[in-house]
Structure formats: structure tokens, C-alpha cells
Amino acid sequence: MYIVAIAWLYVAILMAVAEATHTAGTLLGGIFTFVLYGVLPLVLVLYVMGTPARRRAIKAREEAELRAAQATSALAPDAGAEAAGDPVAPVGKET
């Protein structure tokens, strides 16, 4: 994927240089050519192509947090700070 990005930037740089060195061209035109034909499309494509990797990383992080939470709750059974017994006596039994 990165070889295509490097080749695209190479072509965009050559287009920008041709624009800037042409007799009717300007340096500002070369900069705009490089930014609009090279950098912006490349950033957009790399962002879209990297979406699955970001999703996998988020899912892996959530699973790791869930496993850590389950491990801590398994070690301390009363970690929920709930009462150990029923505070209300059952019907028909008085203390």
C-alpha cells in the first residue's frame, strides 16, 4: 500500500515542478498542484484504507478491558459491594 502512496507523491511532485517551472506557471500554482493533486487525495485514501485496522485495534482494546474487568471480578466475589445475606427475614420466621 505504501509503494503506491510513494509513487503517487512522486508523480504529484513532478506535476508541481512542471507547473512551477513552466513559462506561464507560478510557484503558487505548483504548490496548489502538489497539495490538491497529491497530498489531499493521498490522505483521504490512506485514511479510508486504514479504517479496518483502526476497527480491529478498538475491538482488541475493548476485549482486553473486558477480560481485565472479568479477571478482577473473579478474584473478589464481593467486588460489587452487595450485602452477603438477605437483610429481610423470610415470611413466617421471626428473629
Protein backbone atom coordinates (compact mmCIF):
# COMPACT_ATOMS: atom_id res chain seq x y z
CA MET A 1 0.00 0.00 0.00
CA TYR A 2 2.83 2.38 0.81
CA ILE A 3 4.61 1.85 -2.50
CA VAL A 4 1.53 3.19 -4.30
CA ALA A 5 1.45 6.20 -1.97
CA ILE A 6 5.13 6.93 -2.62
CA ALA A 7 4.62 6.62 -6.39
CA TRP A 8 1.59 8.93 -6.23
CA LEU A 9 3.58 11.56 -4.34
CA TYR A 10 6.42 11.24 -6.85
CA VAL A 11 4.05 11.93 -9.73
CA ALA A 12 2.44 14.83 -7.84
CA ILE A 13 5.87 16.35 -7.15
CA LEU A 14 6.79 16.10 -10.82
CA MET A 15 3.50 17.74 -11.80
CA ALA A 16 4.12 20.54 -9.30
CA VAL A 17 7.66 21.10 -10.57
CA ALA A 18 6.41 21.19 -14.17
CA GLU A 19 3.75 23.72 -13.17
CA ALA A 20 6.22 25.91 -11.28
CA THR A 21 8.92 25.89 -13.98
CA HIS A 22 6.63 26.44 -16.94
CA THR A 23 6.85 29.90 -18.50
CA ALA A 24 3.16 30.58 -17.80
CA GLY A 25 3.22 28.80 -14.42
CA THR A 26 3.90 30.13 -10.96
CA LEU A 27 5.35 28.78 -7.74
CA LEU A 28 1.96 29.19 -6.06
CA GLY A 29 0.39 27.11 -8.84
CA GLY A 30 2.96 24.39 -8.23
CA ILE A 31 2.21 24.36 -4.51
CA PHE A 32 -1.52 24.15 -5.14
CA THR A 33 -0.97 21.39 -7.68
CA PHE A 34 1.04 19.38 -5.17
CA VAL A 35 -1.46 19.89 -2.35
CA LEU A 36 -4.65 19.36 -4.38
CA TYR A 37 -3.43 16.54 -6.64
CA GLY A 38 -1.01 14.86 -4.25
CA VAL A 39 -1.46 15.39 -0.55
CA LEU A 40 -5.25 15.67 -0.13
CA PRO A 41 -6.22 12.61 -2.21
CA LEU A 42 -3.44 10.58 -0.64
CA VAL A 43 -4.51 11.48 2.90
CA LEU A 44 -8.11 10.57 2.08
CA VAL A 45 -7.20 7.22 0.53
CA LEU A 46 -4.83 6.26 3.36
CA TYR A 47 -7.48 7.18 5.94
CA VAL A 48 -10.13 5.05 4.23
CA MET A 49 -7.72 2.15 3.72
CA GLY A 50 -6.70 2.27 7.39
CA THR A 51 -10.27 2.02 8.72
CA PRO A 52 -10.28 -1.80 9.15
CA ALA A 53 -7.02 -1.67 11.11
CA ARG A 54 -8.42 1.02 13.42
CA ARG A 55 -11.57 -1.07 13.97
CA ARG A 56 -9.51 -4.13 14.85
CA ALA A 57 -7.43 -2.11 17.31
CA ILE A 58 -10.54 -0.67 19.00
CA LYS A 59 -12.14 -4.12 19.24
CA ALA A 60 -8.95 -5.65 20.68
CA ARG A 61 -8.70 -2.87 23.26
CA GLU A 62 -12.34 -3.34 24.30
CA GLU A 63 -11.86 -7.11 24.62
CA ALA A 64 -8.74 -6.59 26.74
CA GLU A 65 -10.63 -4.21 29.03
CA LEU A 66 -13.49 -6.73 29.33
CA ARG A 67 -11.06 -9.55 30.18
CA ALA A 68 -9.37 -7.36 32.78
CA ALA A 69 -12.72 -6.47 34.33
CA GLN A 70 -13.74 -10.14 34.41
CA ALA A 71 -10.42 -11.14 35.97
CA THR A 72 -10.78 -8.61 38.78
CA SER A 73 -14.38 -9.62 39.47
CA ALA A 74 -13.38 -13.31 39.57
CA LEU A 75 -10.74 -12.61 42.19
CA ALA A 76 -13.02 -10.68 44.55
CA PRO A 77 -16.51 -12.23 44.65
CA ASP A 78 -17.89 -9.35 46.74
CA ALA A 79 -16.44 -6.69 44.48
CA GLY A 80 -19.92 -5.42 43.68
CA ALA A 81 -20.28 -4.19 47.29
CA GLU A 82 -23.51 -6.14 47.71
CA ALA A 83 -24.66 -7.47 51.04
CA ALA A 84 -23.65 -11.05 51.80
CA GLY A 85 -27.06 -12.14 53.02
CA ASP A 86 -30.71 -11.19 52.81
CA PRO A 87 -31.40 -8.41 55.37
CA VAL A 88 -35.14 -9.13 55.40
CA ALA A 89 -36.28 -12.25 57.24
CA PRO A 90 -38.38 -14.69 55.22
CA VAL A 91 -42.15 -14.71 55.80
CA GLY A 92 -43.20 -16.68 58.86
CA LYS A 93 -39.82 -16.60 60.53
CA GLU A 94 -39.15 -14.07 63.16
CA THR A 95 -35.86 -13.46 64.80
